Protein backbone atom coordinates (compact mmCIF):
# COMPACT_ATOMS: atom_id res chain seq x y z
CA UNK A 1 104.24 58.88 85.78
CA UNK A 2 106.31 61.54 84.76
CA UNK A 3 109.13 62.52 87.22
CA UNK A 4 111.79 65.75 87.47
CA UNK A 5 115.12 65.81 89.06
CA UNK A 6 116.29 69.29 89.08
CA UNK A 7 119.68 68.53 88.87
CA UNK A 8 118.63 67.06 85.59
CA UNK A 9 117.06 69.99 84.47
CA UNK A 10 118.30 72.56 82.39
CA UNK A 11 119.08 76.18 83.45
CA UNK A 12 116.19 78.13 82.47
CA UNK A 13 117.67 82.01 81.01
CA UNK A 14 116.24 84.86 83.41
CA UNK A 15 117.01 88.54 83.90
CA UNK A 16 117.94 87.19 87.49
CA UNK A 17 121.24 85.67 86.24
CA UNK A 18 120.96 82.87 89.24
CA UNK A 19 120.14 79.32 89.09
CA UNK A 20 116.82 78.67 87.75
CA UNK A 21 115.00 75.51 86.64
CA UNK A 22 111.32 75.23 85.57
CA UNK A 23 110.53 71.90 87.24
CA UNK A 24 106.77 71.98 85.98
CA UNK A 25 104.68 74.41 83.54
CA UNK A 26 100.51 74.20 82.78
CA UNK A 27 98.22 76.32 82.12
CA UNK A 28 97.30 75.43 85.70
CA UNK A 29 100.43 75.99 87.51
CA UNK A 30 103.80 76.83 87.06
CA UNK A 31 107.13 75.17 89.57
CA UNK A 32 110.29 76.77 90.06
CA UNK A 33 113.41 75.71 91.55
CA UNK A 34 115.91 78.50 92.63
CA UNK A 35 119.00 78.17 94.11
CA UNK A 36 121.11 81.03 95.81
CA UNK A 37 124.39 81.13 96.61
CA UNK A 38 125.86 83.36 99.10
CA UNK A 39 125.62 87.14 98.28
CA UNK A 40 122.95 86.08 95.23
CA UNK A 41 120.04 87.85 94.79
CA UNK A 42 116.38 88.24 92.67
CA UNK A 43 115.83 90.67 91.52
CA UNK A 44 112.85 93.51 93.01
CA UNK A 45 109.77 92.44 90.39
CA UNK A 46 106.09 92.05 90.08
CA UNK A 47 104.45 88.80 89.42
CA UNK A 48 100.72 88.85 87.74
CA UNK A 49 99.32 86.08 89.63
CA UNK A 50 99.55 84.77 93.70
CA UNK A 51 103.04 82.90 94.48
CA UNK A 52 104.42 81.39 97.04
CA UNK A 53 107.82 80.04 98.10
CA UNK A 54 108.99 77.29 100.01
CA UNK A 55 112.69 76.98 101.41
CA UNK A 56 114.28 73.41 100.94
CA UNK A 57 117.47 74.24 101.99
CA UNK A 58 119.41 77.20 104.12
CA UNK A 59 118.41 80.81 104.76
CA UNK A 60 117.33 83.55 102.95
CA UNK A 61 115.39 87.22 103.29
CA UNK A 62 111.91 87.14 101.84
CA UNK A 63 111.16 90.94 101.08
CA UNK A 64 107.47 91.21 100.00
CA UNK A 65 105.67 94.89 99.68
CA UNK A 66 107.06 96.95 103.19
CA UNK A 67 108.14 93.85 104.95
CA UNK A 68 111.24 91.95 105.18
CA UNK A 69 111.68 88.06 106.79
CA UNK A 70 114.80 85.84 107.46
CA UNK A 71 113.45 82.48 106.62
CA UNK A 72 114.85 78.89 106.55
CA UNK A 73 114.39 75.34 105.76
CA UNK A 74 110.76 73.74 105.68
CA UNK A 75 109.10 77.32 105.15
CA UNK A 76 106.32 78.18 103.12
CA UNK A 77 105.85 81.73 102.36
CA UNK A 78 102.77 83.86 100.64
CA UNK A 79 103.63 86.77 98.11
CA UNK A 80 100.03 88.01 96.48
CA UNK A 81 100.08 88.77 92.65
CA UNK A 82 101.14 92.79 91.81
CA UNK A 83 102.99 93.23 95.34
CA UNK A 84 106.65 93.82 94.66
CA UNK A 85 109.14 91.23 96.13
CA UNK A 86 112.58 89.26 96.03
CA UNK A 87 114.51 87.11 98.13
CA UNK A 88 117.92 87.31 99.23
CA UNK A 89 120.60 84.71 100.06
CA UNK A 90 123.12 87.11 102.75
CA UNK A 91 124.56 83.78 104.50
CA UNK A 92 127.48 81.74 104.10
CA UNK A 93 125.90 78.56 102.72
CA UNK A 94 123.54 77.81 99.89
CA UNK A 95 119.80 79.01 99.64
CA UNK A 96 117.15 76.57 97.58
CA UNK A 97 113.76 77.00 97.28
CA UNK A 98 110.65 76.39 94.98
CA UNK A 99 108.70 79.20 93.70
CA UNK A 100 104.85 78.20 92.69
CA UNK A 101 102.89 80.14 90.82
CA UNK A 102 99.20 79.45 90.50
CA UNK A 103 97.89 80.03 87.83
CA UNK A 104 100.62 79.92 85.32
CA UNK A 105 100.79 83.58 84.38
CA UNK A 106 99.90 84.45 80.56
CA UNK A 107 101.70 88.12 81.06
CA UNK A 108 105.45 88.38 82.05
CA UNK A 109 106.75 89.23 85.37
CA UNK A 110 107.65 93.00 85.75
CA UNK A 111 111.16 93.95 86.94
CA UNK A 112 111.31 97.09 89.19
């Protein structure tokens, strides 16, 4: 059995400049843990595969296409492939969430 604790996982380098840890990475799927501190956000981008976000802690804003919604702990948000999206932490507390990409992308995410 393989167990991975995000607190013991090396931070991945990304163009977003926030705390990102890859927890699972296979040809079938990819799971990434992201922490956004107050005032931080992901850059608006497009992924070449379907993605979903699962909120672990805090409150944040998810923007997908023309829709924008505030989400909190225990919420799952679906984001279809090829649709611009981003997440923001406009609160005064930590916002942590998982990003699950399935299947694992074979082409890069496109920043906007």
